[in-house]
Amino acid sequence: MASKRNYSRELEKLIEGLGGRVPTLLLHACCAPCSSASLEYLGRYFSISLLYYNPNISPAEEYEKRLYELRRLLGELPLEHPVGIIPCEYRGEDFERMARGLEGEPEGGARCMECYRLRLEEAAKAAKEHGMEYFTTTLTISPLKNAAAINRIGEELAEKYGVKHLPSDLKKKDGYKRSIELSREYGLYRQDYCGCVYSKMERDRIKEERDDRLAGDQ
């Protein structure tokens, strides 16, 4: 049986091999909290452009709220190299089209895999269009996301578009813990659901069950 890959170590080895060179990186950003520690770490070694492409986020007001927090973070977080955001309008219809037929899938199932692919493919396209050397995503900083699947999809898209995928498992080495610390330090809005209408329904269901249990204990 093949050994489990350590994407965090792969990234460390890649950085060690840079020899002080600062390559360009297209970093897909899902929100400010996940971007905080990701930028703090990757910003030491790469010249980063952020792509905020998240058509899964619903409603549009939530999308704009997360984008505002991301822009605010960029204005306050000290970084070694300037970081810009590649403009991307809200395209909720992209996610709706992708999710057709997958509405009944559980969180973390096939719908989520396709959502990873949807956003990573846009990142790969943007990286190629803007002449970036690498692309990756902040999604791997979340312990709720499947880092192995995200990296696997990224590698497939790298081959398709001819842009290098940067391996990552950013939650490792206390990356997720650091994102929480930075979120507190900068007072970042931390949402309590992934973003899509289905994750919001799951959050509401769990909350209702918890409230029912608490009411039953009284």
N, C-alpha and C. Protein backbone atom coordinates (compact mmCIF):
# COMPACT_ATOMS: atom_id res chain seq x y z
N MET A 1 0.84 -1.19 0.00
CA MET A 1 0.00 0.00 0.00
C MET A 1 0.88 1.25 0.00
N ALA A 2 0.54 2.23 -0.83
CA ALA A 2 1.33 3.45 -0.93
C ALA A 2 1.26 4.22 0.38
N SER A 3 2.40 4.81 0.75
CA SER A 3 2.42 5.59 2.00
C SER A 3 1.66 6.90 1.82
N LYS A 4 1.11 7.38 2.90
CA LYS A 4 0.36 8.63 2.89
C LYS A 4 1.31 9.80 2.68
N ARG A 5 0.98 10.68 1.74
CA ARG A 5 1.85 11.80 1.44
C ARG A 5 1.75 12.88 2.52
N ASN A 6 2.88 13.49 2.80
CA ASN A 6 2.95 14.59 3.75
C ASN A 6 3.12 15.88 2.94
N TYR A 7 1.99 16.51 2.62
CA TYR A 7 2.03 17.69 1.76
C TYR A 7 2.70 18.87 2.45
N SER A 8 2.61 18.93 3.76
CA SER A 8 3.28 19.99 4.50
C SER A 8 4.79 19.88 4.34
N ARG A 9 5.30 18.66 4.46
CA ARG A 9 6.74 18.45 4.29
C ARG A 9 7.15 18.69 2.85
N GLU A 10 6.31 18.32 1.90
CA GLU A 10 6.62 18.57 0.49
C GLU A 10 6.77 20.06 0.23
N LEU A 11 5.91 20.85 0.84
CA LEU A 11 6.00 22.30 0.69
C LEU A 11 7.29 22.82 1.32
N GLU A 12 7.63 22.32 2.49
CA GLU A 12 8.86 22.76 3.16
C GLU A 12 10.08 22.47 2.28
N LYS A 13 10.13 21.29 1.70
CA LYS A 13 11.26 20.92 0.85
C LYS A 13 11.32 21.78 -0.40
N LEU A 14 10.14 22.10 -0.96
CA LEU A 14 10.10 22.97 -2.14
C LEU A 14 10.65 24.35 -1.79
N ILE A 15 10.24 24.88 -0.62
CA ILE A 15 10.72 26.19 -0.18
C ILE A 15 12.23 26.17 0.05
N GLU A 16 12.73 25.09 0.65
CA GLU A 16 14.16 24.95 0.88
C GLU A 16 14.93 25.01 -0.43
N GLY A 17 14.32 24.49 -1.50
CA GLY A 17 14.98 24.45 -2.80
C GLY A 17 14.93 25.76 -3.57
N LEU A 18 14.20 26.74 -3.06
CA LEU A 18 14.09 28.01 -3.77
C LEU A 18 15.39 28.81 -3.71
N GLY A 19 16.18 28.59 -2.66
CA GLY A 19 17.46 29.28 -2.56
C GLY A 19 17.34 30.80 -2.50
N GLY A 20 16.28 31.28 -1.89
CA GLY A 20 16.10 32.73 -1.77
C GLY A 20 15.33 33.35 -2.92
N ARG A 21 15.08 32.59 -3.97
CA ARG A 21 14.27 33.11 -5.08
C ARG A 21 12.83 33.27 -4.61
N VAL A 22 12.13 34.29 -5.12
CA VAL A 22 10.75 34.56 -4.69
C VAL A 22 9.81 34.39 -5.90
N PRO A 23 9.29 33.18 -6.09
CA PRO A 23 8.41 32.93 -7.23
C PRO A 23 7.04 33.58 -7.05
N THR A 24 6.32 33.72 -8.13
CA THR A 24 4.95 34.23 -8.06
C THR A 24 3.99 33.09 -7.73
N LEU A 25 2.96 33.43 -6.96
CA LEU A 25 1.98 32.45 -6.51
C LEU A 25 0.59 33.03 -6.61
N LEU A 26 -0.29 32.32 -7.30
CA LEU A 26 -1.72 32.65 -7.32
C LEU A 26 -2.35 31.86 -6.19
N LEU A 27 -2.83 32.57 -5.16
CA LEU A 27 -3.40 31.92 -3.98
C LEU A 27 -4.90 32.13 -3.97
N HIS A 28 -5.65 31.05 -4.14
CA HIS A 28 -7.09 31.14 -4.01
C HIS A 28 -7.42 31.35 -2.53
N ALA A 29 -8.22 32.38 -2.25
CA ALA A 29 -8.57 32.72 -0.86
C ALA A 29 -10.05 32.52 -0.64
N CYS A 30 -10.39 31.76 0.39
CA CYS A 30 -11.81 31.51 0.67
C CYS A 30 -12.38 32.53 1.65
N CYS A 31 -11.55 33.08 2.54
CA CYS A 31 -12.01 34.05 3.53
C CYS A 31 -10.80 34.65 4.24
N ALA A 32 -11.02 35.69 5.03
CA ALA A 32 -9.92 36.34 5.75
C ALA A 32 -9.29 35.44 6.82
N PRO A 33 -10.08 34.77 7.67
CA PRO A 33 -9.44 33.93 8.70
C PRO A 33 -8.50 32.86 8.12
N CYS A 34 -8.94 32.18 7.08
CA CYS A 34 -8.08 31.15 6.47
C CYS A 34 -6.88 31.78 5.76
N SER A 35 -7.06 33.00 5.24
CA SER A 35 -5.97 33.67 4.53
C SER A 35 -4.91 34.20 5.47
N SER A 36 -5.29 34.51 6.71
CA SER A 36 -4.38 35.19 7.63
C SER A 36 -3.07 34.42 7.83
N ALA A 37 -3.14 33.23 8.38
CA ALA A 37 -1.93 32.44 8.63
C ALA A 37 -1.31 31.96 7.33
N SER A 38 -2.13 31.72 6.31
CA SER A 38 -1.61 31.29 5.01
C SER A 38 -0.71 32.36 4.42
N LEU A 39 -1.17 33.62 4.47
CA LEU A 39 -0.38 34.74 3.95
C LEU A 39 0.86 34.98 4.81
N GLU A 40 0.72 34.87 6.10
CA GLU A 40 1.85 35.09 6.99
C GLU A 40 2.98 34.12 6.67
N TYR A 41 2.62 32.86 6.40
CA TYR A 41 3.62 31.83 6.11
C TYR A 41 4.12 31.92 4.67
N LEU A 42 3.21 31.83 3.71
CA LEU A 42 3.61 31.78 2.30
C LEU A 42 4.18 33.11 1.82
N GLY A 43 3.75 34.22 2.46
CA GLY A 43 4.22 35.53 2.06
C GLY A 43 5.70 35.76 2.30
N ARG A 44 6.32 34.90 3.09
CA ARG A 44 7.77 35.02 3.32
C ARG A 44 8.56 34.54 2.11
N TYR A 45 7.95 33.67 1.32
CA TYR A 45 8.70 32.98 0.27
C TYR A 45 8.17 33.21 -1.15
N PHE A 46 6.96 33.78 -1.26
CA PHE A 46 6.35 33.94 -2.57
C PHE A 46 5.81 35.36 -2.76
N SER A 47 5.78 35.79 -4.00
CA SER A 47 5.09 37.02 -4.37
C SER A 47 3.66 36.64 -4.73
N ILE A 48 2.70 37.03 -3.90
CA ILE A 48 1.36 36.47 -3.95
C ILE A 48 0.34 37.41 -4.56
N SER A 49 -0.52 36.85 -5.39
CA SER A 49 -1.75 37.51 -5.83
C SER A 49 -2.90 36.62 -5.38
N LEU A 50 -3.90 37.24 -4.74
CA LEU A 50 -5.05 36.50 -4.24
C LEU A 50 -6.17 36.46 -5.27
N LEU A 51 -6.83 35.33 -5.36
CA LEU A 51 -8.04 35.21 -6.17
C LEU A 51 -9.19 34.86 -5.22
N TYR A 52 -10.12 35.77 -5.10
CA TYR A 52 -11.30 35.53 -4.27
C TYR A 52 -12.44 35.09 -5.18
N TYR A 53 -12.42 33.81 -5.53
CA TYR A 53 -13.47 33.22 -6.38
C TYR A 53 -14.17 32.17 -5.55
N ASN A 54 -15.37 32.49 -5.07
CA ASN A 54 -16.12 31.60 -4.19
C ASN A 54 -17.61 31.66 -4.51
N PRO A 55 -18.01 31.12 -5.66
CA PRO A 55 -19.43 31.18 -6.04
C PRO A 55 -20.31 30.31 -5.17
N ASN A 56 -19.69 29.50 -4.31
CA ASN A 56 -20.46 28.67 -3.38
C ASN A 56 -21.08 29.50 -2.26
N ILE A 57 -20.51 30.66 -1.97
CA ILE A 57 -20.98 31.45 -0.83
C ILE A 57 -22.36 32.01 -1.10
N SER A 58 -23.24 31.86 -0.13
CA SER A 58 -24.61 32.33 -0.25
C SER A 58 -25.07 32.86 1.10
N PRO A 59 -25.80 34.00 1.11
CA PRO A 59 -26.22 34.82 -0.02
C PRO A 59 -25.10 35.77 -0.48
N ALA A 60 -25.42 36.62 -1.45
CA ALA A 60 -24.43 37.54 -1.99
C ALA A 60 -23.89 38.48 -0.92
N GLU A 61 -24.73 38.83 0.06
CA GLU A 61 -24.30 39.71 1.14
C GLU A 61 -23.19 39.07 1.97
N GLU A 62 -23.29 37.75 2.14
CA GLU A 62 -22.24 37.03 2.87
C GLU A 62 -20.94 37.04 2.07
N TYR A 63 -21.06 36.89 0.76
CA TYR A 63 -19.89 36.94 -0.13
C TYR A 63 -19.17 38.28 0.03
N GLU A 64 -19.93 39.36 -0.03
CA GLU A 64 -19.36 40.70 0.07
C GLU A 64 -18.76 40.95 1.45
N LYS A 65 -19.39 40.42 2.48
CA LYS A 65 -18.89 40.59 3.85
C LYS A 65 -17.53 39.92 4.01
N ARG A 66 -17.39 38.71 3.46
CA ARG A 66 -16.12 38.00 3.56
C ARG A 66 -15.04 38.69 2.73
N LEU A 67 -15.44 39.24 1.56
CA LEU A 67 -14.48 39.95 0.72
C LEU A 67 -14.00 41.22 1.43
N TYR A 68 -14.92 41.93 2.07
CA TYR A 68 -14.55 43.14 2.81
C TYR A 68 -13.51 42.81 3.89
N GLU A 69 -13.75 41.73 4.63
CA GLU A 69 -12.82 41.34 5.68
C GLU A 69 -11.46 40.96 5.11
N LEU A 70 -11.46 40.33 3.94
CA LEU A 70 -10.20 39.95 3.31
C LEU A 70 -9.41 41.20 2.90
N ARG A 71 -10.10 42.17 2.33
CA ARG A 71 -9.43 43.42 1.95
C ARG A 71 -8.91 44.16 3.19
N ARG A 72 -9.68 44.14 4.26
CA ARG A 72 -9.26 44.79 5.50
C ARG A 72 -8.01 44.12 6.06
N LEU A 73 -8.00 42.79 6.02
CA LEU A 73 -6.83 42.05 6.51
C LEU A 73 -5.58 42.43 5.72
N LEU A 74 -5.70 42.52 4.40
CA LEU A 74 -4.55 42.88 3.58
C LEU A 74 -4.02 44.26 3.92
N GLY A 75 -4.90 45.15 4.35
CA GLY A 75 -4.47 46.49 4.70
C GLY A 75 -3.81 46.58 6.06
N GLU A 76 -3.96 45.54 6.89
CA GLU A 76 -3.46 45.60 8.26
C GLU A 76 -2.36 44.58 8.56
N LEU A 77 -2.35 43.45 7.86
CA LEU A 77 -1.38 42.39 8.15
C LEU A 77 -0.02 42.74 7.55
N PRO A 78 1.04 42.81 8.37
CA PRO A 78 2.37 43.12 7.83
C PRO A 78 2.91 41.94 7.02
N LEU A 79 3.28 42.20 5.77
CA LEU A 79 3.77 41.16 4.88
C LEU A 79 5.07 41.61 4.23
N GLU A 80 5.94 40.66 3.93
CA GLU A 80 7.24 40.99 3.36
C GLU A 80 7.12 41.48 1.92
N HIS A 81 6.11 41.00 1.19
CA HIS A 81 5.92 41.40 -0.20
C HIS A 81 4.49 41.86 -0.39
N PRO A 82 4.27 42.89 -1.22
CA PRO A 82 2.91 43.37 -1.45
C PRO A 82 2.02 42.26 -2.01
N VAL A 83 0.77 42.25 -1.57
CA VAL A 83 -0.20 41.25 -2.03
C VAL A 83 -1.41 41.99 -2.60
N GLY A 84 -1.81 41.61 -3.80
CA GLY A 84 -2.98 42.21 -4.42
C GLY A 84 -4.09 41.19 -4.60
N ILE A 85 -5.29 41.69 -4.90
CA ILE A 85 -6.44 40.82 -5.16
C ILE A 85 -6.81 40.92 -6.63
N ILE A 86 -6.90 39.79 -7.30
CA ILE A 86 -7.36 39.77 -8.68
C ILE A 86 -8.88 39.92 -8.68
N PRO A 87 -9.42 40.94 -9.35
CA PRO A 87 -10.87 41.17 -9.33
C PRO A 87 -11.64 39.96 -9.83
N CYS A 88 -12.73 39.67 -9.15
CA CYS A 88 -13.59 38.55 -9.54
C CYS A 88 -15.00 38.82 -9.03
N GLU A 89 -15.93 38.99 -9.94
CA GLU A 89 -17.30 39.29 -9.52
C GLU A 89 -17.97 38.03 -8.96
N TYR A 90 -19.06 38.26 -8.23
CA TYR A 90 -19.81 37.14 -7.65
C TYR A 90 -20.54 36.39 -8.76
N ARG A 91 -20.32 35.08 -8.81
CA ARG A 91 -20.94 34.26 -9.87
C ARG A 91 -21.60 33.04 -9.23
N GLY A 92 -22.62 33.30 -8.43
CA GLY A 92 -23.30 32.21 -7.73
C GLY A 92 -23.88 31.16 -8.64
N GLU A 93 -24.19 31.55 -9.89
CA GLU A 93 -24.75 30.59 -10.83
C GLU A 93 -23.76 29.48 -11.18
N ASP A 94 -22.46 29.76 -11.06
CA ASP A 94 -21.45 28.72 -11.31
C ASP A 94 -21.62 27.57 -10.33
N PHE A 95 -21.82 27.91 -9.07
CA PHE A 95 -21.99 26.87 -8.05
C PHE A 95 -23.32 26.16 -8.22
N GLU A 96 -24.38 26.90 -8.50
CA GLU A 96 -25.70 26.29 -8.67
C GLU A 96 -25.68 25.26 -9.80
N ARG A 97 -25.02 25.60 -10.89
CA ARG A 97 -24.91 24.69 -12.02
C ARG A 97 -24.10 23.45 -11.64
N MET A 98 -23.01 23.65 -10.92
CA MET A 98 -22.16 22.53 -10.50
C MET A 98 -22.87 21.59 -9.54
N ALA A 99 -23.73 22.15 -8.67
CA ALA A 99 -24.36 21.37 -7.61
C ALA A 99 -25.59 20.58 -8.06
N ARG A 100 -26.06 20.81 -9.28
CA ARG A 100 -27.24 20.11 -9.75
C ARG A 100 -27.01 18.60 -9.75
N GLY A 101 -27.93 17.89 -9.13
CA GLY A 101 -27.82 16.44 -9.02
C GLY A 101 -27.04 15.99 -7.80
N LEU A 102 -26.40 16.95 -7.09
CA LEU A 102 -25.60 16.62 -5.91
C LEU A 102 -26.19 17.23 -4.65
N GLU A 103 -27.42 17.71 -4.75
CA GLU A 103 -28.03 18.41 -3.62
C GLU A 103 -28.12 17.55 -2.37
N GLY A 104 -28.31 16.24 -2.52
CA GLY A 104 -28.49 15.36 -1.37
C GLY A 104 -27.19 14.81 -0.81
N GLU A 105 -26.07 15.19 -1.37
CA GLU A 105 -24.78 14.70 -0.87
C GLU A 105 -24.48 15.27 0.52
N PRO A 106 -23.86 14.47 1.38
CA PRO A 106 -23.50 14.98 2.71
C PRO A 106 -22.33 15.95 2.64
N GLU A 107 -22.15 16.74 3.68
CA GLU A 107 -20.98 17.62 3.76
C GLU A 107 -19.71 16.78 3.70
N GLY A 108 -18.78 17.20 2.87
CA GLY A 108 -17.54 16.46 2.69
C GLY A 108 -17.62 15.40 1.62
N GLY A 109 -18.78 15.26 0.98
CA GLY A 109 -18.98 14.25 -0.05
C GLY A 109 -18.70 14.76 -1.46
N ALA A 110 -19.37 14.17 -2.44
CA ALA A 110 -19.09 14.46 -3.84
C ALA A 110 -19.32 15.92 -4.20
N ARG A 111 -20.34 16.54 -3.59
CA ARG A 111 -20.60 17.96 -3.90
C ARG A 111 -19.42 18.82 -3.48
N CYS A 112 -18.86 18.55 -2.32
CA CYS A 112 -17.71 19.32 -1.84
C CYS A 112 -16.49 19.09 -2.73
N MET A 113 -16.31 17.85 -3.19
CA MET A 113 -15.18 17.57 -4.08
C MET A 113 -15.30 18.40 -5.36
N GLU A 114 -16.50 18.49 -5.90
CA GLU A 114 -16.71 19.27 -7.12
C GLU A 114 -16.56 20.76 -6.84
N CYS A 115 -16.90 21.19 -5.64
CA CYS A 115 -16.72 22.59 -5.26
C CYS A 115 -15.24 22.93 -5.17
N TYR A 116 -14.44 22.03 -4.60
CA TYR A 116 -12.99 22.23 -4.59
C TYR A 116 -12.49 22.41 -6.02
N ARG A 117 -12.93 21.51 -6.89
CA ARG A 117 -12.47 21.53 -8.28
C ARG A 117 -12.89 22.83 -8.98
N LEU A 118 -14.11 23.26 -8.75
CA LEU A 118 -14.62 24.47 -9.38
C LEU A 118 -13.71 25.66 -9.05
N ARG A 119 -13.39 25.81 -7.78
CA ARG A 119 -12.60 26.97 -7.35
C ARG A 119 -11.12 26.82 -7.73
N LEU A 120 -10.60 25.61 -7.62
CA LEU A 120 -9.20 25.39 -7.99
C LEU A 120 -8.99 25.55 -9.50
N GLU A 121 -9.98 25.16 -10.28
CA GLU A 121 -9.83 25.32 -11.74
C GLU A 121 -9.78 26.79 -12.12
N GLU A 122 -10.60 27.60 -11.47
CA GLU A 122 -10.55 29.03 -11.73
C GLU A 122 -9.19 29.60 -11.32
N ALA A 123 -8.62 29.08 -10.23
CA ALA A 123 -7.30 29.52 -9.79
C ALA A 123 -6.23 29.13 -10.80
N ALA A 124 -6.31 27.90 -11.31
CA ALA A 124 -5.33 27.45 -12.30
C ALA A 124 -5.41 28.28 -13.57
N LYS A 125 -6.64 28.57 -14.02
CA LYS A 125 -6.83 29.40 -15.21
C LYS A 125 -6.24 30.80 -14.99
N ALA A 126 -6.53 31.38 -13.82
CA ALA A 126 -6.05 32.73 -13.52
C ALA A 126 -4.52 32.75 -13.43
N ALA A 127 -3.95 31.71 -12.85
CA ALA A 127 -2.49 31.63 -12.74
C ALA A 127 -1.85 31.61 -14.12
N LYS A 128 -2.44 30.84 -15.01
CA LYS A 128 -1.91 30.78 -16.38
C LYS A 128 -2.08 32.12 -17.08
N GLU A 129 -3.25 32.71 -16.94
CA GLU A 129 -3.55 33.98 -17.60
C GLU A 129 -2.62 35.10 -17.14
N HIS A 130 -2.29 35.10 -15.85
CA HIS A 130 -1.46 36.16 -15.29
C HIS A 130 0.02 35.80 -15.22
N GLY A 131 0.39 34.67 -15.79
CA GLY A 131 1.79 34.29 -15.86
C GLY A 131 2.41 33.95 -14.52
N MET A 132 1.62 33.38 -13.61
CA MET A 132 2.12 33.01 -12.29
C MET A 132 2.81 31.65 -12.36
N GLU A 133 3.81 31.45 -11.53
CA GLU A 133 4.55 30.18 -11.56
C GLU A 133 3.81 29.06 -10.83
N TYR A 134 3.15 29.40 -9.73
CA TYR A 134 2.44 28.40 -8.93
C TYR A 134 1.00 28.86 -8.65
N PHE A 135 0.16 27.89 -8.29
CA PHE A 135 -1.15 28.20 -7.74
C PHE A 135 -1.45 27.22 -6.61
N THR A 136 -2.25 27.67 -5.66
CA THR A 136 -2.73 26.80 -4.58
C THR A 136 -3.90 27.50 -3.91
N THR A 137 -4.36 26.98 -2.78
CA THR A 137 -5.54 27.52 -2.10
C THR A 137 -5.35 27.55 -0.59
N THR A 138 -6.06 28.47 0.06
CA THR A 138 -6.04 28.54 1.52
C THR A 138 -6.92 27.45 2.15
N LEU A 139 -7.68 26.73 1.36
CA LEU A 139 -8.63 25.75 1.88
C LEU A 139 -7.99 24.70 2.78
N THR A 140 -6.73 24.37 2.52
CA THR A 140 -6.11 23.29 3.30
C THR A 140 -5.77 23.69 4.73
N ILE A 141 -6.01 24.95 5.10
CA ILE A 141 -5.75 25.33 6.48
C ILE A 141 -6.88 24.88 7.40
N SER A 142 -8.03 24.54 6.83
CA SER A 142 -9.18 24.12 7.63
C SER A 142 -9.11 22.63 7.95
N PRO A 143 -9.28 22.26 9.22
CA PRO A 143 -9.32 20.83 9.56
C PRO A 143 -10.57 20.14 9.05
N LEU A 144 -11.54 20.91 8.55
CA LEU A 144 -12.78 20.34 8.02
C LEU A 144 -12.69 20.05 6.53
N LYS A 145 -11.58 20.45 5.90
CA LYS A 145 -11.41 20.24 4.47
C LYS A 145 -10.46 19.07 4.22
N ASN A 146 -10.70 18.36 3.12
CA ASN A 146 -9.91 17.18 2.76
C ASN A 146 -8.66 17.62 2.00
N ALA A 147 -7.56 17.79 2.71
CA ALA A 147 -6.33 18.30 2.10
C ALA A 147 -5.79 17.37 1.01
N ALA A 148 -5.90 16.07 1.22
CA ALA A 148 -5.40 15.12 0.22
C ALA A 148 -6.17 15.27 -1.08
N ALA A 149 -7.50 15.39 -0.99
CA ALA A 149 -8.33 15.55 -2.18
C ALA A 149 -8.03 16.87 -2.87
N ILE A 150 -7.86 17.94 -2.09
CA ILE A 150 -7.57 19.25 -2.65
C ILE A 150 -6.25 19.22 -3.41
N ASN A 151 -5.23 18.60 -2.84
CA ASN A 151 -3.94 18.51 -3.52
C ASN A 151 -4.01 17.64 -4.76
N ARG A 152 -4.76 16.56 -4.68
CA ARG A 152 -4.91 15.68 -5.83
C ARG A 152 -5.58 16.42 -7.00
N ILE A 153 -6.63 17.17 -6.70
CA ILE A 153 -7.32 17.94 -7.73
C ILE A 153 -6.38 19.02 -8.29
N GLY A 154 -5.64 19.68 -7.40
CA GLY A 154 -4.70 20.70 -7.85
C GLY A 154 -3.66 20.16 -8.80
N GLU A 155 -3.17 18.96 -8.53
CA GLU A 155 -2.17 18.35 -9.39
C GLU A 155 -2.75 17.99 -10.75
N GLU A 156 -4.00 17.53 -10.76
CA GLU A 156 -4.66 17.22 -12.04
C GLU A 156 -4.81 18.49 -12.88
N LEU A 157 -5.18 19.58 -12.24
CA LEU A 157 -5.38 20.84 -12.95
C LEU A 157 -4.06 21.46 -13.39
N ALA A 158 -3.01 21.23 -12.62
CA ALA A 158 -1.68 21.71 -13.01
C ALA A 158 -1.26 21.08 -14.33
N GLU A 159 -1.53 19.80 -14.46
CA GLU A 159 -1.20 19.10 -15.71
C GLU A 159 -2.06 19.61 -16.86
N LYS A 160 -3.31 19.90 -16.57
CA LYS A 160 -4.24 20.36 -17.61
C LYS A 160 -3.88 21.75 -18.12
N TYR A 161 -3.49 22.66 -17.21
CA TYR A 161 -3.26 24.05 -17.59
C TYR A 161 -1.79 24.45 -17.70
N GLY A 162 -0.89 23.54 -17.36
CA GLY A 162 0.52 23.84 -17.52
C GLY A 162 1.06 24.86 -16.53
N VAL A 163 0.49 24.88 -15.31
CA VAL A 163 0.96 25.75 -14.23
C VAL A 163 1.25 24.87 -13.02
N LYS A 164 2.32 25.14 -12.31
CA LYS A 164 2.70 24.30 -11.18
C LYS A 164 1.72 24.46 -10.02
N HIS A 165 1.34 23.34 -9.43
CA HIS A 165 0.52 23.38 -8.22
C HIS A 165 1.43 23.32 -7.01
N LEU A 166 1.19 24.22 -6.06
CA LEU A 166 1.99 24.24 -4.83
C LEU A 166 1.36 23.30 -3.82
N PRO A 167 2.05 22.23 -3.43
CA PRO A 167 1.48 21.31 -2.44
C PRO A 167 1.34 22.00 -1.09
N SER A 168 0.28 21.67 -0.38
CA SER A 168 0.11 22.31 0.92
C SER A 168 -0.82 21.51 1.82
N ASP A 169 -0.59 21.63 3.09
CA ASP A 169 -1.53 21.20 4.13
C ASP A 169 -1.33 22.22 5.23
N LEU A 170 -1.88 23.41 5.02
CA LEU A 170 -1.54 24.58 5.81
C LEU A 170 -2.00 24.53 7.25
N LYS A 171 -2.88 23.59 7.57
CA LYS A 171 -3.29 23.45 8.97
C LYS A 171 -2.19 22.84 9.83
N LYS A 172 -1.25 22.14 9.19
CA LYS A 172 -0.14 21.53 9.92
C LYS A 172 0.81 22.60 10.47
N LYS A 173 1.71 22.19 11.35
CA LYS A 173 2.67 23.10 11.98
C LYS A 173 1.94 24.25 12.69
N ASP A 174 0.79 23.92 13.30
CA ASP A 174 -0.02 24.89 14.03
C ASP A 174 -0.59 25.99 13.15
N GLY A 175 -0.72 25.71 11.85
CA GLY A 175 -1.26 26.71 10.93
C GLY A 175 -2.68 27.10 11.26
N TYR A 176 -3.52 26.10 11.56
CA TYR A 176 -4.91 26.41 11.91
C TYR A 176 -4.98 27.18 13.23
N LYS A 177 -4.18 26.74 14.19
CA LYS A 177 -4.13 27.45 15.49
C LYS A 177 -3.71 28.90 15.29
N ARG A 178 -2.73 29.12 14.41
CA ARG A 178 -2.26 30.48 14.16
C ARG A 178 -3.35 31.32 13.49
N SER A 179 -4.15 30.70 12.63
CA SER A 179 -5.24 31.44 11.97
C SER A 179 -6.26 31.93 13.00
N ILE A 180 -6.50 31.13 14.02
CA ILE A 180 -7.42 31.54 15.08
C ILE A 180 -6.83 32.70 15.88
N GLU A 181 -5.53 32.60 16.18
CA GLU A 181 -4.86 33.69 16.91
C GLU A 181 -4.91 34.99 16.13
N LEU A 182 -4.62 34.92 14.83
CA LEU A 182 -4.63 36.13 14.01
C LEU A 182 -6.04 36.69 13.85
N SER A 183 -7.01 35.80 13.77
CA SER A 183 -8.40 36.25 13.67
C SER A 183 -8.80 37.05 14.90
N ARG A 184 -8.36 36.59 16.05
CA ARG A 184 -8.63 37.33 17.29
C ARG A 184 -7.87 38.65 17.31
N GLU A 185 -6.61 38.60 16.91
CA GLU A 185 -5.76 39.80 16.94
C GLU A 185 -6.32 40.91 16.06
N TYR A 186 -6.83 40.54 14.89
CA TYR A 186 -7.34 41.53 13.93
C TYR A 186 -8.86 41.67 13.96
N GLY A 187 -9.50 40.96 14.88
CA GLY A 187 -10.95 41.06 15.01
C GLY A 187 -11.69 40.64 13.76
N LEU A 188 -11.22 39.55 13.13
CA LEU A 188 -11.81 39.12 11.86
C LEU A 188 -13.15 38.43 12.07
N TYR A 189 -14.04 38.65 11.16
CA TYR A 189 -15.32 37.95 11.14
C TYR A 189 -15.08 36.49 10.79
N ARG A 190 -15.47 35.60 11.70
CA ARG A 190 -15.33 34.16 11.47
C ARG A 190 -16.72 33.55 11.31
N GLN A 191 -17.04 33.15 10.09
CA GLN A 191 -18.33 32.57 9.79
C GLN A 191 -18.44 31.18 10.42
N ASP A 192 -19.66 30.73 10.68
CA ASP A 192 -19.84 29.42 11.31
C ASP A 192 -20.41 28.39 10.34
N TYR A 193 -20.29 28.66 9.05
CA TYR A 193 -20.61 27.65 8.04
C TYR A 193 -19.71 27.88 6.83
N CYS A 194 -19.50 26.84 6.04
CA CYS A 194 -18.55 26.88 4.94
C CYS A 194 -18.86 28.02 3.98
N GLY A 195 -20.14 28.16 3.64
CA GLY A 195 -20.49 29.22 2.72
C GLY A 195 -21.72 28.92 1.88
N CYS A 196 -21.87 27.67 1.46
CA CYS A 196 -22.98 27.34 0.56
C CYS A 196 -24.28 27.12 1.34
N VAL A 197 -25.38 27.13 0.61
CA VAL A 197 -26.69 26.97 1.22
C VAL A 197 -26.82 25.62 1.92
N TYR A 198 -26.11 24.61 1.41
CA TYR A 198 -26.19 23.27 2.01
C TYR A 198 -25.43 23.21 3.34
N SER A 199 -24.27 23.86 3.41
CA SER A 199 -23.54 23.89 4.68
C SER A 199 -24.29 24.72 5.71
N LYS A 200 -24.99 25.76 5.25
CA LYS A 200 -25.80 26.57 6.16
C LYS A 200 -26.96 25.74 6.72
N MET A 201 -27.59 24.92 5.86
CA MET A 201 -28.66 24.05 6.32
C MET A 201 -28.14 23.05 7.35
N GLU A 202 -26.94 22.52 7.11
CA GLU A 202 -26.34 21.57 8.05
C GLU A 202 -26.04 22.25 9.38
N ARG A 203 -25.53 23.48 9.32
CA ARG A 203 -25.27 24.22 10.55
C ARG A 203 -26.56 24.45 11.33
N ASP A 204 -27.61 24.84 10.62
CA ASP A 204 -28.90 25.10 11.27
C ASP A 204 -29.47 23.82 11.90
N ARG A 205 -29.28 22.69 11.19
CA ARG A 205 -29.78 21.41 11.72
C ARG A 205 -29.06 21.04 13.01
N ILE A 206 -27.73 21.19 13.01
CA ILE A 206 -26.95 20.85 14.20
C ILE A 206 -27.32 21.77 15.36
N LYS A 207 -27.49 23.05 15.04
CA LYS A 207 -27.86 24.01 16.08
C LYS A 207 -29.23 23.68 16.67
N GLU A 208 -30.17 23.31 15.82
CA GLU A 208 -31.51 22.97 16.29
C GLU A 208 -31.47 21.73 17.19
N GLU A 209 -30.68 20.71 16.77
CA GLU A 209 -30.56 19.50 17.59
C GLU A 209 -29.93 19.81 18.94
N ARG A 210 -28.93 20.68 18.94
CA ARG A 210 -28.27 21.05 20.19
C ARG A 210 -29.24 21.80 21.10
N ASP A 211 -30.00 22.73 20.51
CA ASP A 211 -30.97 23.48 21.30
C ASP A 211 -32.04 22.56 21.89
N ASP A 212 -32.46 21.55 21.09
CA ASP A 212 -33.47 20.60 21.57
C ASP A 212 -32.93 19.79 22.75
N ARG A 213 -31.66 19.39 22.65
CA ARG A 213 -31.05 18.62 23.74
C ARG A 213 -30.95 19.46 25.02
N LEU A 214 -30.53 20.72 24.84
CA LEU A 214 -30.41 21.60 26.00
C LEU A 214 -31.77 21.85 26.64
N ALA A 215 -32.80 22.00 25.80
CA ALA A 215 -34.15 22.21 26.33
C ALA A 215 -34.62 20.98 27.07
N GLY A 216 -34.27 19.79 26.58
CA GLY A 216 -34.68 18.54 27.22
C GLY A 216 -33.99 18.31 28.55
N ASP A 217 -32.79 18.93 28.72
CA ASP A 217 -32.04 18.76 29.96
C ASP A 217 -32.55 19.69 31.07
N GLN A 218 -33.35 20.64 30.70
CA GLN A 218 -33.81 21.61 31.69
C GLN A 218 -35.00 21.09 32.50
